[in-house]
């Protein structure tokens, strides 16, 4: 079972879109049971939508977008590589 910390990092970094089916299933199962992570997911979706609306008039170049993504990811705590709670 994934921890809230692992799920929030996966959602924030958008890794769920490129994850294998087991990881996606683990995230979905966690979201079914955890109202806090469901709320966090909705908040991240709202932030993304707001950012898209703001940037829709002047789309950023790829370098700006990558720097922004890297800056956000740098501020997140590192994911536990060998955490016993990360079993799928």
N, C-alpha and C. Protein backbone atom coordinates (compact mmCIF):
# COMPACT_ATOMS: atom_id res chain seq x y z
N UNK A 1 0.84 -1.18 0.00
CA UNK A 1 0.00 0.00 0.00
C UNK A 1 0.89 1.24 0.00
N UNK A 2 0.55 2.17 -0.85
CA UNK A 2 1.31 3.42 -0.91
C UNK A 2 0.95 4.33 0.25
N UNK A 3 1.91 5.13 0.67
CA UNK A 3 1.66 6.12 1.71
C UNK A 3 1.13 7.40 1.07
N UNK A 4 0.56 8.26 1.90
CA UNK A 4 0.08 9.56 1.40
C UNK A 4 1.22 10.35 0.78
N UNK A 5 2.37 10.28 1.38
CA UNK A 5 3.54 11.01 0.87
C UNK A 5 3.90 10.54 -0.55
N UNK A 6 3.89 9.25 -0.76
CA UNK A 6 4.22 8.70 -2.08
C UNK A 6 3.16 9.07 -3.11
N UNK A 7 1.90 9.02 -2.72
CA UNK A 7 0.83 9.36 -3.64
C UNK A 7 0.88 10.84 -3.99
N UNK A 8 1.09 11.70 -3.00
CA UNK A 8 1.12 13.13 -3.29
C UNK A 8 2.29 13.48 -4.20
N UNK A 9 3.42 12.85 -4.01
CA UNK A 9 4.57 13.11 -4.89
C UNK A 9 4.27 12.61 -6.31
N UNK A 10 3.66 11.46 -6.43
CA UNK A 10 3.31 10.91 -7.74
C UNK A 10 2.33 11.82 -8.47
N UNK A 11 1.32 12.30 -7.75
CA UNK A 11 0.32 13.19 -8.34
C UNK A 11 0.96 14.52 -8.73
N UNK A 12 1.75 15.09 -7.83
CA UNK A 12 2.35 16.41 -8.08
C UNK A 12 3.32 16.39 -9.25
N UNK A 13 4.05 15.30 -9.41
CA UNK A 13 5.04 15.23 -10.48
C UNK A 13 4.44 14.66 -11.77
N UNK A 14 3.17 14.31 -11.73
CA UNK A 14 2.46 13.77 -12.89
C UNK A 14 3.07 12.44 -13.36
N UNK A 15 3.72 11.73 -12.45
CA UNK A 15 4.31 10.43 -12.80
C UNK A 15 3.25 9.37 -13.03
N UNK A 16 2.04 9.62 -12.54
CA UNK A 16 0.98 8.63 -12.69
C UNK A 16 0.64 8.39 -14.15
N UNK A 17 0.84 9.39 -15.00
CA UNK A 17 0.52 9.23 -16.42
C UNK A 17 1.52 8.32 -17.14
N UNK A 18 2.72 8.20 -16.61
CA UNK A 18 3.73 7.36 -17.25
C UNK A 18 4.02 6.09 -16.46
N UNK A 19 3.34 5.91 -15.35
CA UNK A 19 3.58 4.74 -14.50
C UNK A 19 3.01 3.47 -15.13
N UNK A 20 3.53 2.35 -14.68
CA UNK A 20 2.98 1.08 -15.16
C UNK A 20 1.62 0.85 -14.51
N UNK A 21 0.92 -0.17 -14.96
CA UNK A 21 -0.45 -0.39 -14.50
C UNK A 21 -0.52 -0.69 -13.01
N UNK A 22 0.50 -1.33 -12.46
CA UNK A 22 0.48 -1.64 -11.03
C UNK A 22 0.57 -0.37 -10.18
N UNK A 23 1.43 0.54 -10.60
CA UNK A 23 1.57 1.80 -9.87
C UNK A 23 0.29 2.62 -9.98
N UNK A 24 -0.29 2.69 -11.18
CA UNK A 24 -1.55 3.43 -11.35
C UNK A 24 -2.66 2.82 -10.50
N UNK A 25 -2.73 1.49 -10.45
CA UNK A 25 -3.73 0.81 -9.63
C UNK A 25 -3.50 1.11 -8.16
N UNK A 26 -2.26 1.09 -7.72
CA UNK A 26 -1.96 1.39 -6.31
C UNK A 26 -2.39 2.81 -5.95
N UNK A 27 -2.14 3.76 -6.85
CA UNK A 27 -2.55 5.14 -6.60
C UNK A 27 -4.07 5.22 -6.55
N UNK A 28 -4.76 4.58 -7.49
CA UNK A 28 -6.23 4.63 -7.51
C UNK A 28 -6.83 3.99 -6.25
N UNK A 29 -6.26 2.88 -5.82
CA UNK A 29 -6.75 2.24 -4.60
C UNK A 29 -6.55 3.15 -3.39
N UNK A 30 -5.40 3.78 -3.32
CA UNK A 30 -5.14 4.70 -2.21
C UNK A 30 -6.14 5.85 -2.24
N UNK A 31 -6.39 6.39 -3.43
CA UNK A 31 -7.33 7.51 -3.54
C UNK A 31 -8.75 7.10 -3.15
N UNK A 32 -9.12 5.85 -3.40
CA UNK A 32 -10.44 5.37 -2.98
C UNK A 32 -10.59 5.39 -1.46
N UNK A 33 -9.50 5.17 -0.76
CA UNK A 33 -9.56 5.06 0.70
C UNK A 33 -9.18 6.34 1.44
N UNK A 34 -8.52 7.27 0.77
CA UNK A 34 -7.96 8.43 1.47
C UNK A 34 -8.58 9.73 0.98
N UNK A 35 -9.42 10.31 1.80
CA UNK A 35 -10.09 11.56 1.39
C UNK A 35 -9.12 12.72 1.30
N UNK A 36 -8.07 12.67 2.09
CA UNK A 36 -7.08 13.75 2.07
C UNK A 36 -6.33 13.79 0.73
N UNK A 37 -5.96 12.63 0.25
CA UNK A 37 -5.27 12.57 -1.04
C UNK A 37 -6.21 12.87 -2.20
N UNK A 38 -7.48 12.49 -2.07
CA UNK A 38 -8.46 12.86 -3.10
C UNK A 38 -8.59 14.38 -3.17
N UNK A 39 -8.65 15.02 -2.01
CA UNK A 39 -8.75 16.48 -1.98
C UNK A 39 -7.49 17.11 -2.58
N UNK A 40 -6.33 16.56 -2.23
CA UNK A 40 -5.07 17.08 -2.78
C UNK A 40 -5.05 16.94 -4.30
N UNK A 41 -5.54 15.81 -4.81
CA UNK A 41 -5.59 15.59 -6.26
C UNK A 41 -6.49 16.63 -6.92
N UNK A 42 -7.65 16.89 -6.33
CA UNK A 42 -8.55 17.92 -6.89
C UNK A 42 -7.89 19.30 -6.86
N UNK A 43 -7.16 19.60 -5.79
CA UNK A 43 -6.47 20.89 -5.70
C UNK A 43 -5.40 21.01 -6.78
N UNK A 44 -4.67 19.93 -7.01
CA UNK A 44 -3.63 19.97 -8.04
C UNK A 44 -4.25 20.14 -9.42
N UNK A 45 -5.38 19.51 -9.65
CA UNK A 45 -6.07 19.66 -10.93
C UNK A 45 -6.55 21.10 -11.11
N UNK A 46 -7.06 21.70 -10.04
CA UNK A 46 -7.54 23.09 -10.11
C UNK A 46 -6.37 24.04 -10.37
N UNK A 47 -5.25 23.80 -9.73
CA UNK A 47 -4.06 24.64 -9.95
C UNK A 47 -3.59 24.52 -11.39
N UNK A 48 -3.56 23.29 -11.90
CA UNK A 48 -3.15 23.07 -13.29
C UNK A 48 -4.07 23.76 -14.27
N UNK A 49 -5.37 23.67 -14.02
CA UNK A 49 -6.34 24.32 -14.90
C UNK A 49 -6.18 25.84 -14.84
N UNK A 50 -5.99 26.38 -13.65
CA UNK A 50 -5.79 27.83 -13.52
C UNK A 50 -4.53 28.27 -14.25
N UNK A 51 -3.47 27.50 -14.12
CA UNK A 51 -2.22 27.85 -14.80
C UNK A 51 -2.40 27.80 -16.32
N UNK A 52 -3.12 26.78 -16.81
CA UNK A 52 -3.36 26.69 -18.25
C UNK A 52 -4.17 27.89 -18.75
N UNK A 53 -5.15 28.31 -17.98
CA UNK A 53 -5.95 29.46 -18.37
C UNK A 53 -5.12 30.74 -18.40
N UNK A 54 -4.26 30.91 -17.42
CA UNK A 54 -3.41 32.10 -17.36
C UNK A 54 -2.44 32.10 -18.53
N UNK A 55 -1.89 30.95 -18.84
CA UNK A 55 -0.86 30.86 -19.88
C UNK A 55 -1.43 30.67 -21.28
N UNK A 56 -2.74 30.54 -21.40
CA UNK A 56 -3.32 30.24 -22.71
C UNK A 56 -3.10 31.38 -23.71
N UNK A 57 -3.02 32.61 -23.25
CA UNK A 57 -2.79 33.73 -24.16
C UNK A 57 -1.37 33.74 -24.71
N UNK A 58 -0.41 33.40 -23.88
CA UNK A 58 0.99 33.38 -24.30
C UNK A 58 1.61 32.07 -23.84
N UNK A 59 1.54 31.04 -24.67
CA UNK A 59 2.10 29.76 -24.26
C UNK A 59 3.60 29.87 -23.99
N UNK A 60 4.07 29.28 -22.89
CA UNK A 60 5.49 29.35 -22.56
C UNK A 60 6.33 28.49 -23.51
N UNK A 61 7.57 28.88 -23.69
CA UNK A 61 8.46 28.04 -24.49
C UNK A 61 8.82 26.80 -23.66
N UNK A 62 9.30 25.79 -24.31
CA UNK A 62 9.59 24.51 -23.63
C UNK A 62 10.61 24.69 -22.50
N UNK A 63 11.60 25.52 -22.68
CA UNK A 63 12.62 25.73 -21.65
C UNK A 63 12.03 26.32 -20.38
N UNK A 64 11.13 27.30 -20.52
CA UNK A 64 10.48 27.91 -19.35
C UNK A 64 9.63 26.89 -18.62
N UNK A 65 8.89 26.11 -19.37
CA UNK A 65 8.02 25.09 -18.78
C UNK A 65 8.86 24.05 -18.03
N UNK A 66 9.97 23.62 -18.63
CA UNK A 66 10.83 22.63 -17.98
C UNK A 66 11.48 23.19 -16.72
N UNK A 67 11.91 24.45 -16.76
CA UNK A 67 12.52 25.07 -15.58
C UNK A 67 11.49 25.19 -14.45
N UNK A 68 10.26 25.56 -14.78
CA UNK A 68 9.21 25.66 -13.78
C UNK A 68 8.93 24.30 -13.16
N UNK A 69 8.81 23.28 -14.00
CA UNK A 69 8.56 21.91 -13.50
C UNK A 69 9.69 21.47 -12.59
N UNK A 70 10.94 21.67 -13.02
CA UNK A 70 12.09 21.27 -12.21
C UNK A 70 12.13 22.02 -10.88
N UNK A 71 11.78 23.29 -10.91
CA UNK A 71 11.77 24.09 -9.69
C UNK A 71 10.74 23.55 -8.70
N UNK A 72 9.57 23.19 -9.20
CA UNK A 72 8.53 22.64 -8.33
C UNK A 72 8.95 21.29 -7.78
N UNK A 73 9.50 20.43 -8.63
CA UNK A 73 9.92 19.10 -8.19
C UNK A 73 11.06 19.17 -7.19
N UNK A 74 11.95 20.16 -7.33
CA UNK A 74 13.06 20.32 -6.40
C UNK A 74 12.57 20.63 -4.99
N UNK A 75 11.41 21.24 -4.88
CA UNK A 75 10.89 21.62 -3.57
C UNK A 75 10.12 20.48 -2.89
N UNK A 76 9.82 19.41 -3.64
CA UNK A 76 9.13 18.27 -3.06
C UNK A 76 10.13 17.37 -2.36
N UNK A 77 9.69 16.70 -1.29
CA UNK A 77 10.61 15.76 -0.63
C UNK A 77 10.90 14.59 -1.55
N UNK A 78 12.09 14.02 -1.46
CA UNK A 78 12.43 12.90 -2.34
C UNK A 78 11.57 11.68 -2.03
N UNK A 79 11.25 10.93 -3.07
CA UNK A 79 10.48 9.70 -2.90
C UNK A 79 11.38 8.64 -2.31
N UNK A 80 10.82 7.83 -1.43
CA UNK A 80 11.59 6.75 -0.82
C UNK A 80 11.78 5.63 -1.83
N UNK A 81 13.02 5.31 -2.13
CA UNK A 81 13.34 4.28 -3.12
C UNK A 81 13.03 2.88 -2.59
N UNK A 82 13.50 2.58 -1.39
CA UNK A 82 13.37 1.23 -0.84
C UNK A 82 12.47 1.21 0.38
N UNK A 83 11.47 2.02 0.39
CA UNK A 83 10.54 2.10 1.52
C UNK A 83 9.68 0.84 1.57
N UNK A 84 9.56 0.24 2.72
CA UNK A 84 8.77 -1.00 2.84
C UNK A 84 7.30 -0.74 2.63
N UNK A 85 6.86 0.52 2.72
CA UNK A 85 5.46 0.84 2.50
C UNK A 85 5.13 1.03 1.03
N UNK A 86 6.10 0.93 0.17
CA UNK A 86 5.88 1.21 -1.25
C UNK A 86 5.56 -0.05 -2.04
N UNK A 87 5.23 -1.13 -1.35
CA UNK A 87 4.86 -2.36 -2.06
C UNK A 87 3.57 -2.15 -2.80
N UNK A 88 3.50 -2.72 -4.00
CA UNK A 88 2.30 -2.60 -4.83
C UNK A 88 1.53 -3.89 -4.80
